Amino acid sequence: MKSNSFAVSLVKYSIIGTIKHFVFWPLWWYSNGLFYALKSTGRRIRNTWKSLALGIWLQNIFRPMYGQYDIASRIISFFMRFVQIIFRLIIMIFLTVIFVALFIFYIALPPATVWLIIKQ
């Protein structure tokens, strides 16, 4: 008798749990899930900024390279760092656009899925 009630309870709670997950999934997707996705996007952008070392490049743009303090070395150092900063900013903008597009894709995925199912 116990095994029968255990099996019934298992099936009952499994079905109820599955239905509960399907009902509350959209609420989670646009509340906690959206918050986690936003934090993750911000973290990715911040880590990209750090990995490209843009802050360090910007801080040292007027500092001469290799300790050469003559005017020619200062000019060469400035332009070399300026070119590096431009290219790194282009990479940063490109990756930021990709990260934001992925976040927008996260937001748009459930409605697009429902729309495609209804359209079929």
C-alpha atoms as a PDB file:
ATOM      1  CA  MET A   1       0.000   0.000   0.000  1.00  0.00           C
ATOM      2  CA  LYS A   2       2.818   2.382   0.827  1.00  0.00           C
ATOM      3  CA  SER A   3       4.552   1.896  -2.519  1.00  0.00           C
ATOM      4  CA  ASN A   4       1.299   2.685  -4.317  1.00  0.00           C
ATOM      5  CA  SER A   5       0.804   5.945  -2.411  1.00  0.00           C
ATOM      6  CA  PHE A   6       4.449   6.805  -2.972  1.00  0.00           C
ATOM      7  CA  ALA A   7       4.052   6.313  -6.712  1.00  0.00           C
ATOM      8  CA  VAL A   8       0.858   8.376  -6.753  1.00  0.00           C
ATOM      9  CA  SER A   9       2.519  11.132  -4.726  1.00  0.00           C
ATOM     10  CA  LEU A  10       5.564  11.091  -6.993  1.00  0.00           C
ATOM     11  CA  VAL A  11       3.471  11.424 -10.140  1.00  0.00           C
ATOM     12  CA  LYS A  12       1.191  14.013  -8.550  1.00  0.00           C
ATOM     13  CA  TYR A  13       4.054  16.241  -7.351  1.00  0.00           C
ATOM     14  CA  SER A  14       5.987  15.790 -10.578  1.00  0.00           C
ATOM     15  CA  ILE A  15       3.042  16.924 -12.656  1.00  0.00           C
ATOM     16  CA  ILE A  16       2.230  19.788 -10.298  1.00  0.00           C
ATOM     17  CA  GLY A  17       5.890  20.818 -10.219  1.00  0.00           C
ATOM     18  CA  THR A  18       6.143  20.753 -14.006  1.00  0.00           C
ATOM     19  CA  ILE A  19       2.995  22.838 -14.419  1.00  0.00           C
ATOM     20  CA  LYS A  20       4.237  25.251 -11.756  1.00  0.00           C
ATOM     21  CA  HIS A  21       7.557  25.676 -13.581  1.00  0.00           C
ATOM     22  CA  PHE A  22       5.793  26.400 -16.880  1.00  0.00           C
ATOM     23  CA  VAL A  23       3.517  28.948 -15.216  1.00  0.00           C
ATOM     24  CA  PHE A  24       6.222  30.784 -13.264  1.00  0.00           C
ATOM     25  CA  TRP A  25       8.962  30.576 -15.909  1.00  0.00           C
ATOM     26  CA  PRO A  26       7.896  33.780 -17.764  1.00  0.00           C
ATOM     27  CA  LEU A  27       7.767  35.634 -14.455  1.00  0.00           C
ATOM     28  CA  TRP A  28      11.294  34.514 -13.616  1.00  0.00           C
ATOM     29  CA  TRP A  29      12.561  35.257 -17.150  1.00  0.00           C
ATOM     30  CA  TYR A  30      11.532  38.909 -16.914  1.00  0.00           C
ATOM     31  CA  SER A  31      12.319  39.493 -13.222  1.00  0.00           C
ATOM     32  CA  ASN A  32      15.266  37.650 -11.674  1.00  0.00           C
ATOM     33  CA  GLY A  33      16.486  36.246 -14.977  1.00  0.00           C
ATOM     34  CA  LEU A  34      16.474  39.701 -16.556  1.00  0.00           C
ATOM     35  CA  PHE A  35      18.371  41.117 -13.580  1.00  0.00           C
ATOM     36  CA  TYR A  36      20.997  38.354 -13.847  1.00  0.00           C
ATOM     37  CA  ALA A  37      21.316  38.900 -17.607  1.00  0.00           C
ATOM     38  CA  LEU A  38      21.750  42.640 -17.089  1.00  0.00           C
ATOM     39  CA  LYS A  39      24.414  42.072 -14.425  1.00  0.00           C
ATOM     40  CA  SER A  40      26.175  39.590 -16.701  1.00  0.00           C
ATOM     41  CA  THR A  41      26.149  42.061 -19.595  1.00  0.00           C
ATOM     42  CA  GLY A  42      27.610  44.787 -17.386  1.00  0.00           C
ATOM     43  CA  ARG A  43      30.243  42.396 -16.087  1.00  0.00           C
ATOM     44  CA  ARG A  44      31.220  41.396 -19.637  1.00  0.00           C
ATOM     45  CA  ILE A  45      31.569  45.031 -20.699  1.00  0.00           C
ATOM     46  CA  ARG A  46      33.627  45.852 -17.600  1.00  0.00           C
ATOM     47  CA  ASN A  47      35.877  42.812 -18.118  1.00  0.00           C
ATOM     48  CA  THR A  48      36.382  43.755 -21.758  1.00  0.00           C
ATOM     49  CA  TRP A  49      37.407  47.282 -20.696  1.00  0.00           C
ATOM     50  CA  LYS A  50      39.879  45.805 -18.217  1.00  0.00           C
ATOM     51  CA  SER A  51      41.261  43.207 -20.631  1.00  0.00           C
ATOM     52  CA  LEU A  52      41.858  45.887 -23.273  1.00  0.00           C
ATOM     53  CA  ALA A  53      43.472  48.038 -20.538  1.00  0.00           C
ATOM     54  CA  LEU A  54      41.899  51.195 -21.903  1.00  0.00           C
ATOM     55  CA  GLY A  55      42.097  52.979 -18.555  1.00  0.00           C
ATOM     56  CA  ILE A  56      45.838  52.408 -18.350  1.00  0.00           C
ATOM     57  CA  TRP A  57      46.369  53.499 -21.957  1.00  0.00           C
ATOM     58  CA  LEU A  58      44.396  56.698 -21.337  1.00  0.00           C
ATOM     59  CA  GLN A  59      46.268  57.460 -18.110  1.00  0.00           C
ATOM     60  CA  ASN A  60      49.655  57.091 -19.776  1.00  0.00           C
ATOM     61  CA  ILE A  61      48.983  58.800 -23.109  1.00  0.00           C
ATOM     62  CA  PHE A  62      51.309  61.752 -22.340  1.00  0.00           C
ATOM     63  CA  ARG A  63      54.002  59.710 -20.592  1.00  0.00           C
ATOM     64  CA  PRO A  64      57.005  58.960 -22.808  1.00  0.00           C
ATOM     65  CA  MET A  65      57.792  55.335 -23.556  1.00  0.00           C
ATOM     66  CA  TYR A  66      61.036  53.684 -22.392  1.00  0.00           C
ATOM     67  CA  GLY A  67      61.950  56.699 -20.244  1.00  0.00           C
ATOM     68  CA  GLN A  68      62.991  58.791 -23.261  1.00  0.00           C
ATOM     69  CA  TYR A  69      62.167  62.384 -22.366  1.00  0.00           C
ATOM     70  CA  ASP A  70      63.327  64.193 -25.505  1.00  0.00           C
ATOM     71  CA  ILE A  71      60.739  65.860 -27.735  1.00  0.00           C
ATOM     72  CA  ALA A  72      60.915  63.317 -30.567  1.00  0.00           C
ATOM     73  CA  SER A  73      60.342  60.398 -28.189  1.00  0.00           C
ATOM     74  CA  ARG A  74      57.417  62.178 -26.552  1.00  0.00           C
ATOM     75  CA  ILE A  75      55.765  62.809 -29.929  1.00  0.00           C
ATOM     76  CA  ILE A  76      56.325  59.228 -31.100  1.00  0.00           C
ATOM     77  CA  SER A  77      55.041  57.859 -27.785  1.00  0.00           C
ATOM     78  CA  PHE A  78      51.940  60.043 -27.920  1.00  0.00           C
ATOM     79  CA  PHE A  79      51.019  58.987 -31.455  1.00  0.00           C
ATOM     80  CA  MET A  80      51.738  55.304 -30.844  1.00  0.00           C
ATOM     81  CA  ARG A  81      49.531  55.314 -27.767  1.00  0.00           C
ATOM     82  CA  PHE A  82      46.889  57.363 -29.584  1.00  0.00           C
ATOM     83  CA  VAL A  83      46.726  54.743 -32.365  1.00  0.00           C
ATOM     84  CA  GLN A  84      46.532  51.947 -29.781  1.00  0.00           C
ATOM     85  CA  ILE A  85      43.710  53.728 -27.960  1.00  0.00           C
ATOM     86  CA  ILE A  86      41.756  54.264 -31.188  1.00  0.00           C
ATOM     87  CA  PHE A  87      42.005  50.597 -32.186  1.00  0.00           C
ATOM     88  CA  ARG A  88      41.175  49.391 -28.687  1.00  0.00           C
ATOM     89  CA  LEU A  89      38.171  51.734 -28.529  1.00  0.00           C
ATOM     90  CA  ILE A  90      36.938  50.336 -31.854  1.00  0.00           C
ATOM     91  CA  ILE A  91      37.220  46.810 -30.437  1.00  0.00           C
ATOM     92  CA  MET A  92      35.491  47.928 -27.228  1.00  0.00           C
ATOM     93  CA  ILE A  93      32.595  49.516 -29.118  1.00  0.00           C
ATOM     94  CA  PHE A  94      32.219  46.455 -31.347  1.00  0.00           C
ATOM     95  CA  LEU A  95      32.129  44.048 -28.386  1.00  0.00           C
ATOM     96  CA  THR A  96      29.789  46.307 -26.414  1.00  0.00           C
ATOM     97  CA  VAL A  97      27.360  46.345 -29.346  1.00  0.00           C
ATOM     98  CA  ILE A  98      27.516  42.534 -29.457  1.00  0.00           C
ATOM     99  CA  PHE A  99      26.871  42.245 -25.707  1.00  0.00           C
ATOM    100  CA  VAL A 100      23.929  44.648 -25.836  1.00  0.00           C
ATOM    101  CA  ALA A 101      22.523  42.794 -28.860  1.00  0.00           C
ATOM    102  CA  LEU A 102      22.724  39.529 -26.911  1.00  0.00           C
ATOM    103  CA  PHE A 103      20.863  41.166 -24.018  1.00  0.00           C
ATOM    104  CA  ILE A 104      18.151  42.406 -26.381  1.00  0.00           C
ATOM    105  CA  PHE A 105      17.984  38.911 -27.876  1.00  0.00           C
ATOM    106  CA  TYR A 106      17.460  37.559 -24.347  1.00  0.00           C
ATOM    107  CA  ILE A 107      14.550  39.948 -23.860  1.00  0.00           C
ATOM    108  CA  ALA A 108      12.987  39.248 -27.264  1.00  0.00           C
ATOM    109  CA  LEU A 109      13.396  35.461 -27.331  1.00  0.00           C
ATOM    110  CA  PRO A 110      10.211  34.362 -25.450  1.00  0.00           C
ATOM    111  CA  PRO A 111       7.787  36.661 -27.325  1.00  0.00           C
ATOM    112  CA  ALA A 112       9.389  35.703 -30.638  1.00  0.00           C
ATOM    113  CA  THR A 113       9.083  32.022 -29.773  1.00  0.00           C
ATOM    114  CA  VAL A 114       5.415  32.384 -28.815  1.00  0.00           C
ATOM    115  CA  TRP A 115       4.743  34.383 -31.987  1.00  0.00           C
ATOM    116  CA  LEU A 116       6.387  31.726 -34.166  1.00  0.00           C
ATOM    117  CA  ILE A 117       4.403  28.960 -32.460  1.00  0.00           C
ATOM    118  CA  ILE A 118       1.141  30.847 -32.977  1.00  0.00           C
ATOM    119  CA  LYS A 119       2.052  31.651 -36.570  1.00  0.00           C
ATOM    120  CA  GLN A 120       2.545  27.941 -37.335  1.00  0.00           C
END
